[in-house]
Protein backbone atom coordinates (compact mmCIF):
# COMPACT_ATOMS: atom_id res chain seq x y z
CA MET A 1 -59.24 57.01 -23.23
CA SER A 2 -60.76 55.31 -20.22
CA GLY A 3 -60.41 51.93 -21.94
CA THR A 4 -56.65 52.30 -22.54
CA LYS A 5 -55.74 53.72 -19.13
CA PRO A 6 -55.87 50.39 -17.21
CA ASN A 7 -53.68 48.79 -19.89
CA ILE A 8 -51.03 51.50 -19.52
CA VAL A 9 -51.11 51.20 -15.73
CA PHE A 10 -50.84 47.43 -15.97
CA GLU A 11 -47.85 47.68 -18.33
CA VAL A 12 -46.12 50.16 -16.03
CA ASP A 13 -46.74 47.94 -12.99
CA ALA A 14 -45.41 44.90 -14.87
CA GLY A 15 -42.31 46.82 -15.96
CA VAL A 16 -41.66 47.99 -12.40
CA PHE A 17 -42.38 44.75 -10.56
CA ALA A 18 -40.86 42.25 -12.99
CA PRO A 19 -37.21 43.16 -12.16
CA ALA A 20 -38.03 43.29 -8.43
CA ARG A 21 -39.66 39.87 -8.61
CA PHE A 22 -36.65 38.47 -10.50
CA GLY A 23 -34.30 40.03 -7.91
CA ALA A 24 -36.25 38.43 -5.06
CA VAL A 25 -36.14 35.00 -6.73
CA ALA A 26 -32.40 35.40 -7.38
CA ALA A 27 -31.80 36.42 -3.75
CA VAL A 28 -33.75 33.42 -2.41
CA GLY A 29 -31.84 31.11 -4.75
CA ALA A 30 -28.50 32.56 -3.64
CA VAL A 31 -29.42 32.12 0.05
CA CYS A 32 -30.44 28.50 -0.59
CA LEU A 33 -27.17 27.79 -2.42
CA LEU A 34 -25.13 29.39 0.36
CA ALA A 35 -27.03 27.34 2.96
CA LEU A 36 -26.37 24.12 1.04
CA LEU A 37 -22.68 24.97 0.73
CA ALA A 38 -22.47 25.75 4.45
CA ILE A 39 -24.13 22.43 5.31
CA LEU A 40 -21.76 20.52 3.00
CA ILE A 41 -18.72 22.27 4.51
CA LEU A 42 -19.88 21.72 8.10
CA VAL A 43 -20.71 18.07 7.46
């Protein structure tokens, strides 16, 4: 039992943090794209 517990915790953490990590990357990418568009429009 003690040998499988860390694996379960790790899987749960991965399942919880994977979408959040993807969301953060998507948000940063969107901000970068908006900044580039703003620069192109202003210039």
